[in-house]
Amino acid sequence: MDLFESLEQKITGKNLSIVFPEGNDARILGAAVRLAAEGLIKPVLLGTTSEIAAVAEAKGLDISKLELRDPQTDAILPEMAQAFFERRNGKATEEQAQAMVKDPNYFGTMLVYMGKADGMVSGAVHSTADTVRPALQIIKTRPGVSRTSGAFIMQRGRDERYLFADNAINIDPDAQTLAETAVESAKTAKLFDIDPKVAMLSFSTKGSAKAPQVDKVIEATKLAHELAPDLALDGELQFDAAFVPTVAKLKAPDSKVAGYANVFIFPDLQSGNIGYKIAQRLGGFEAMGPILQGLNKPVSDLSRGANEEDVYKVAIITAAQNLIN
């Protein structure tokens, strides 16, 4: 089954709502109307009603199935400001809370936090920092996860599918963060019908090189095994040993993951970012993400170069993340 056919089946009938802080953006509006018409999710668009209506009219879109909320005037603002003030626990005054929740990204994040929406998609106009900061401050990470991470689903054709992480968030993660990223990535992989076999990547395979960078991956592998003893995971592995069965037999003959890995954990952001872009540009893979992992509720960050189809797909992924245990 196609990736998005599978995801659509999983979320259909779940009545999941996704909030879009950039409601007057034509790309967002087009995707939201499509999602609502197909009955996949309940879109909540933020912005001035007149501005959203004007964009809809210009595009010939029917917005009757969309929920529209204005962060400047919404009746929930007093309740939201108080909840934000309590959540920040002294890091913002009541006056600051009242002002901050009128920001679309904070308003949207608070809707998710307060259970008024099941996830948020932003970033078509706003920066990654503007999207992620409220999520980290308000929604925060799940128990046992100290840092969020960013994963990409890499797909070529209908049947070839892998997960790469972290390609978006942590510049130089320590061993504990790498271990947590590995465990969270395995959970994400299952959502996309990938039976996770996790490779902790390095420029060394099973002690073939000595360096502090290698030691970090070895330690991360140990910690990941402690966090998820039943997870098929191994390291440290070079990419060829992780991916190519004939190389794995030579370099890591005792590994149950080497040669068959489908979830690849990069040792730092530099290598992760380079790696997924090489696969995308030279290998012809479609890169879907970044998918933010480890949050209590899903928040997704769009590229500012995203098109309407990208918004549509990211919204489906975000809704589906509610199904991760």
Protein backbone atom coordinates (compact mmCIF):
# COMPACT_ATOMS: atom_id res chain seq x y z
CA MET A 1 0.00 0.00 0.00
CA ASP A 2 1.16 3.55 -0.75
CA LEU A 3 2.52 5.41 2.29
CA PHE A 4 -0.22 8.03 2.35
CA GLU A 5 -2.98 5.55 1.59
CA SER A 6 -1.88 3.70 4.72
CA LEU A 7 -1.73 6.87 6.83
CA GLU A 8 -5.12 8.03 5.56
CA GLN A 9 -6.66 4.70 6.55
CA LYS A 10 -5.17 5.04 10.03
CA ILE A 11 -6.58 8.51 10.70
CA THR A 12 -9.95 8.20 8.93
CA GLY A 13 -12.77 8.27 11.45
CA LYS A 14 -10.53 9.41 14.31
CA ASN A 15 -11.92 12.97 14.15
CA LEU A 16 -8.46 14.46 14.66
CA SER A 17 -8.07 18.24 14.46
CA ILE A 18 -4.95 20.06 13.28
CA VAL A 19 -4.39 23.77 13.85
CA PHE A 20 -2.69 25.91 11.20
CA PRO A 21 -1.41 29.26 12.59
CA GLU A 22 -0.84 30.62 9.06
CA GLY A 23 -4.47 30.47 8.01
CA ASN A 24 -4.35 33.29 5.47
CA ASP A 25 -1.58 31.68 3.42
CA ALA A 26 -2.94 30.35 0.13
CA ARG A 27 -0.98 27.09 0.38
CA ILE A 28 -2.31 26.39 3.86
CA LEU A 29 -5.85 27.27 2.89
CA GLY A 30 -5.83 25.07 -0.20
CA ALA A 31 -4.52 22.07 1.71
CA ALA A 32 -6.96 22.62 4.59
CA VAL A 33 -9.98 22.75 2.27
CA ARG A 34 -8.85 19.52 0.62
CA LEU A 35 -8.29 17.76 3.95
CA ALA A 36 -11.70 18.83 5.21
CA ALA A 37 -13.45 17.83 1.98
CA GLU A 38 -11.88 14.35 2.16
CA GLY A 39 -12.87 13.98 5.81
CA LEU A 40 -9.33 13.16 6.90
CA ILE A 41 -8.90 15.79 9.61
CA LYS A 42 -10.69 18.79 11.08
CA PRO A 43 -8.60 21.85 10.11
CA VAL A 44 -8.50 24.84 12.47
CA LEU A 45 -7.19 27.96 10.74
CA LEU A 46 -5.91 30.96 12.66
CA GLY A 47 -6.13 34.50 11.39
CA THR A 48 -8.52 37.33 10.71
CA THR A 49 -11.72 35.91 9.23
CA SER A 50 -11.93 38.63 6.59
CA GLU A 51 -8.36 37.98 5.41
CA ILE A 52 -8.91 34.22 5.20
CA ALA A 53 -12.19 34.75 3.35
CA ALA A 54 -10.51 37.09 0.86
CA VAL A 55 -7.81 34.52 0.06
CA ALA A 56 -10.45 31.81 -0.26
CA GLU A 57 -12.51 33.93 -2.64
CA ALA A 58 -9.46 34.70 -4.77
CA LYS A 59 -8.72 30.98 -5.05
CA GLY A 60 -12.33 29.92 -5.46
CA LEU A 61 -12.29 27.82 -2.29
CA ASP A 62 -15.21 26.79 -0.10
CA ILE A 63 -14.21 27.35 3.53
CA SER A 64 -17.54 26.36 5.07
CA LYS A 65 -16.08 23.16 6.57
CA LEU A 66 -13.15 24.94 8.23
CA GLU A 67 -13.01 26.20 11.81
CA LEU A 68 -11.63 29.75 11.89
CA ARG A 69 -10.23 31.38 15.03
CA ASP A 70 -8.73 34.82 15.47
CA PRO A 71 -5.90 34.88 18.06
CA GLN A 72 -6.52 38.59 18.63
CA THR A 73 -10.17 38.34 19.63
CA ASP A 74 -11.01 34.71 20.47
CA ALA A 75 -13.16 34.19 23.56
CA ILE A 76 -10.72 31.60 24.89
CA LEU A 77 -7.94 34.17 25.37
CA PRO A 78 -8.42 34.82 29.14
CA GLU A 79 -8.52 31.08 29.91
CA MET A 80 -5.57 30.48 27.60
CA ALA A 81 -3.46 33.26 29.12
CA GLN A 82 -4.01 31.85 32.60
CA ALA A 83 -3.11 28.32 31.46
CA PHE A 84 0.02 29.64 29.75
CA PHE A 85 1.02 31.63 32.84
CA GLU A 86 0.70 28.50 35.00
CA ARG A 87 2.52 26.33 32.48
CA ARG A 88 5.48 28.72 32.31
CA ASN A 89 5.71 28.57 36.11
CA GLY A 90 7.14 32.02 36.77
CA LYS A 91 9.01 32.41 33.46
CA ALA A 92 6.41 34.88 32.20
CA THR A 93 4.30 37.48 34.01
CA GLU A 94 0.53 37.52 33.67
CA GLU A 95 0.82 40.56 31.38
CA GLN A 96 3.41 38.79 29.22
CA ALA A 97 1.19 35.71 29.06
CA GLN A 98 -1.77 37.76 27.87
CA ALA A 99 0.34 39.25 25.07
CA MET A 100 2.16 36.05 24.04
CA VAL A 101 -0.93 33.90 23.54
CA LYS A 102 -2.09 36.34 20.84
CA ASP A 103 0.89 35.27 18.74
CA PRO A 104 -0.47 32.71 16.24
CA ASN A 105 2.14 30.04 16.99
CA TYR A 106 1.68 30.36 20.74
CA PHE A 107 -2.11 30.44 20.35
CA GLY A 108 -2.00 27.32 18.17
CA THR A 109 0.36 25.50 20.53
CA MET A 110 -1.87 26.34 23.48
CA LEU A 111 -4.89 24.92 21.65
CA VAL A 112 -2.97 21.66 21.37
CA TYR A 113 -1.83 21.81 25.00
CA MET A 114 -5.38 22.52 26.21
CA GLY A 115 -6.81 19.62 24.22
CA LYS A 116 -8.65 21.84 21.73
CA ALA A 117 -6.60 20.45 18.83
CA ASP A 118 -4.62 17.25 18.27
CA GLY A 119 -1.58 18.76 16.56
CA MET A 120 -0.16 21.84 14.84
CA VAL A 121 1.42 22.53 11.45
CA SER A 122 3.32 25.79 10.95
CA GLY A 123 6.43 27.10 9.20
CA ALA A 124 5.14 28.06 5.74
CA VAL A 125 5.80 31.67 6.74
CA HIS A 126 7.40 31.42 10.17
CA SER A 127 10.91 30.22 10.95
CA THR A 128 11.69 26.86 12.52
CA ALA A 129 12.53 28.61 15.79
CA ASP A 130 9.16 30.39 15.83
CA THR A 131 7.41 27.05 15.31
CA VAL A 132 9.43 24.85 17.64
CA ARG A 133 10.05 27.24 20.57
CA PRO A 134 6.42 27.36 21.76
CA ALA A 135 6.18 23.57 21.48
CA LEU A 136 9.25 23.08 23.66
CA GLN A 137 8.04 25.63 26.20
CA ILE A 138 4.44 24.46 26.42
CA ILE A 139 3.90 20.91 25.11
CA LYS A 140 7.38 19.70 26.13
CA THR A 141 8.88 16.26 25.63
CA ARG A 142 7.42 12.94 26.66
CA PRO A 143 8.61 11.19 29.85
CA GLY A 144 12.02 9.63 29.24
CA VAL A 145 12.86 12.02 26.40
CA SER A 146 15.17 14.91 27.22
CA ARG A 147 15.40 16.42 23.72
CA THR A 148 13.17 16.45 20.68
CA SER A 149 14.66 15.28 17.37
CA GLY A 150 13.84 15.57 13.69
CA ALA A 151 13.37 12.59 11.35
CA PHE A 152 12.85 12.26 7.62
CA ILE A 153 10.99 9.48 5.86
CA MET A 154 12.98 8.69 2.71
CA GLN A 155 10.90 7.02 0.01
CA ARG A 156 11.70 5.90 -3.54
CA GLY A 157 8.84 4.37 -5.47
CA ARG A 158 6.10 2.60 -3.55
CA ASP A 159 8.15 -0.02 -1.75
CA GLU A 160 11.54 1.46 -0.78
CA ARG A 161 11.22 3.34 2.49
CA TYR A 162 13.68 4.30 5.26
CA LEU A 163 13.89 6.65 8.21
CA PHE A 164 16.82 9.02 8.83
CA ALA A 165 17.40 10.94 12.10
CA ASP A 166 18.37 13.40 13.49
CA ASN A 167 18.48 15.61 10.41
CA ALA A 168 16.98 18.82 11.78
CA ILE A 169 17.37 19.68 15.46
CA ASN A 170 20.40 18.64 17.54
CA ILE A 171 23.74 19.93 16.23
CA ASP A 172 26.05 17.74 18.31
CA PRO A 173 23.95 15.34 20.39
CA ASP A 174 25.47 13.52 23.33
CA ALA A 175 25.16 9.75 23.76
CA GLN A 176 21.94 9.98 25.77
CA THR A 177 20.26 12.15 23.14
CA LEU A 178 21.39 9.78 20.37
CA ALA A 179 19.97 6.83 22.28
CA GLU A 180 16.64 8.57 22.83
CA THR A 181 16.54 9.58 19.16
CA ALA A 182 17.05 5.95 18.16
CA VAL A 183 14.18 4.71 20.32
CA GLU A 184 11.82 7.49 19.22
CA SER A 185 12.77 6.93 15.58
CA ALA A 186 11.82 3.27 15.85
CA LYS A 187 8.36 4.32 17.09
CA THR A 188 8.01 6.75 14.19
CA ALA A 189 9.13 4.08 11.73
CA LYS A 190 6.34 1.73 12.83
CA LEU A 191 3.78 4.42 12.07
CA PHE A 192 5.04 4.40 8.48
CA ASP A 193 4.83 0.59 8.21
CA ILE A 194 8.58 0.14 8.64
CA ASP A 195 9.58 -2.80 10.85
CA PRO A 196 12.48 -0.99 12.55
CA LYS A 197 16.01 -2.29 12.33
CA VAL A 198 18.09 0.54 13.73
CA ALA A 199 21.69 1.31 12.79
CA MET A 200 23.75 3.70 14.93
CA LEU A 201 25.96 5.18 12.23
CA SER A 202 29.63 6.09 12.47
CA PHE A 203 32.79 6.14 10.36
CA SER A 204 33.77 3.01 12.28
CA THR A 205 32.32 -0.50 12.37
CA LYS A 206 32.74 -2.55 15.54
CA GLY A 207 35.99 -0.92 16.62
CA SER A 208 37.62 -0.47 13.21
CA ALA A 209 38.52 3.12 14.20
CA LYS A 210 39.28 4.81 17.51
CA ALA A 211 38.10 8.34 18.27
CA PRO A 212 35.90 10.21 20.76
CA GLN A 213 33.21 10.45 18.06
CA VAL A 214 33.18 6.66 17.80
CA ASP A 215 33.07 6.25 21.58
CA LYS A 216 29.95 8.44 21.66
CA VAL A 217 28.12 6.14 19.25
CA ILE A 218 29.23 3.03 21.15
CA GLU A 219 27.89 4.54 24.38
CA ALA A 220 24.67 5.61 22.65
CA THR A 221 24.15 2.05 21.40
CA LYS A 222 24.55 0.71 24.93
CA LEU A 223 22.08 3.27 26.33
CA ALA A 224 19.54 2.58 23.58
CA HIS A 225 19.63 -1.13 24.41
CA GLU A 226 18.91 -0.24 28.03
CA LEU A 227 15.99 1.99 27.02
CA ALA A 228 14.50 -0.56 24.60
CA PRO A 229 15.96 -4.05 25.18
CA ASP A 230 13.72 -5.71 22.58
CA LEU A 231 14.49 -3.25 19.79
CA ALA A 232 16.53 -4.54 16.84
CA LEU A 233 19.39 -2.05 17.07
CA ASP A 234 23.16 -2.21 16.58
CA GLY A 235 26.20 0.03 16.35
CA GLU A 236 28.60 1.41 15.75
CA LEU A 237 28.17 0.72 12.01
CA GLN A 238 29.39 2.38 8.85
CA PHE A 239 26.62 2.95 6.35
CA ASP A 240 27.78 0.23 3.97
CA ALA A 241 27.94 -2.29 6.80
CA ALA A 242 24.47 -1.24 7.94
CA PHE A 243 22.92 -1.42 4.48
CA VAL A 244 24.74 -3.93 2.26
CA PRO A 245 24.47 -7.62 3.30
CA THR A 246 27.75 -8.66 1.66
CA VAL A 247 29.66 -5.87 3.42
CA ALA A 248 27.92 -6.67 6.70
CA LYS A 249 29.14 -10.28 6.55
CA LEU A 250 32.71 -9.02 6.36
CA LYS A 251 32.55 -6.13 8.83
CA ALA A 252 29.90 -7.21 11.35
CA PRO A 253 29.21 -10.91 10.87
CA ASP A 254 27.53 -11.36 14.26
CA SER A 255 25.12 -8.45 13.91
CA LYS A 256 21.39 -9.10 13.45
CA VAL A 257 20.89 -5.58 12.06
CA ALA A 258 23.92 -5.03 9.83
CA GLY A 259 23.07 -5.39 6.15
CA TYR A 260 19.34 -5.00 6.76
CA ALA A 261 18.96 -1.68 8.58
CA ASN A 262 16.10 0.61 7.61
CA VAL A 263 16.34 3.23 10.39
CA PHE A 264 19.58 5.18 10.34
CA ILE A 265 20.69 7.31 13.30
CA PHE A 266 23.35 9.84 12.36
CA PRO A 267 25.97 10.85 14.95
CA ASP A 268 25.48 14.60 14.46
CA LEU A 269 23.37 17.09 12.55
CA GLN A 270 26.08 17.84 10.03
CA SER A 271 26.30 14.26 8.77
CA GLY A 272 22.55 13.75 9.03
CA ASN A 273 21.71 16.82 6.99
CA ILE A 274 24.30 15.99 4.33
CA GLY A 275 23.21 12.36 4.23
CA TYR A 276 19.54 12.90 3.59
CA LYS A 277 20.20 15.55 0.95
CA ILE A 278 22.60 13.25 -0.92
CA ALA A 279 19.93 10.53 -0.91
CA GLN A 280 17.35 13.06 -2.06
CA ARG A 281 19.35 14.75 -4.81
CA LEU A 282 21.53 11.91 -6.10
CA GLY A 283 19.47 8.89 -5.09
CA GLY A 284 16.08 10.16 -6.21
CA PHE A 285 14.43 9.70 -2.82
CA GLU A 286 11.51 11.83 -1.70
CA ALA A 287 12.38 13.34 1.69
CA MET A 288 9.35 13.89 3.92
CA GLY A 289 9.98 15.86 7.06
CA PRO A 290 11.31 16.95 9.38
CA ILE A 291 8.99 15.00 11.65
CA LEU A 292 9.48 16.29 15.18
CA GLN A 293 9.83 13.37 17.60
CA GLY A 294 9.51 13.07 21.34
CA LEU A 295 6.90 15.76 22.04
CA ASN A 296 3.83 15.05 24.16
CA LYS A 297 1.68 16.18 21.22
CA PRO A 298 2.71 16.47 17.56
CA VAL A 299 3.91 19.76 16.09
CA SER A 300 5.33 19.90 12.56
CA ASP A 301 7.58 22.49 10.95
CA LEU A 302 7.06 23.17 7.25
CA SER A 303 9.72 24.48 4.94
CA ARG A 304 9.03 28.04 3.86
CA GLY A 305 9.39 26.73 0.32
CA ALA A 306 6.59 24.20 0.88
CA ASN A 307 3.81 23.90 -1.68
CA GLU A 308 0.17 22.99 -1.10
CA GLU A 309 0.84 19.27 -1.57
CA ASP A 310 3.60 19.42 1.07
CA VAL A 311 1.19 21.03 3.54
CA TYR A 312 -1.41 18.36 2.81
CA LYS A 313 1.05 15.53 3.43
CA VAL A 314 2.62 17.03 6.56
CA ALA A 315 -0.85 17.54 8.05
CA ILE A 316 -1.66 13.85 7.51
CA ILE A 317 1.65 12.83 9.09
CA THR A 318 1.02 15.13 12.04
CA ALA A 319 -2.43 13.72 12.63
CA ALA A 320 -1.10 10.17 12.40
CA GLN A 321 1.53 10.87 15.06
CA ASN A 322 -1.28 10.83 17.61
CA LEU A 323 -1.36 7.07 17.07
CA ILE A 324 2.22 6.53 18.28
CA ASN A 325 2.36 4.81 21.65
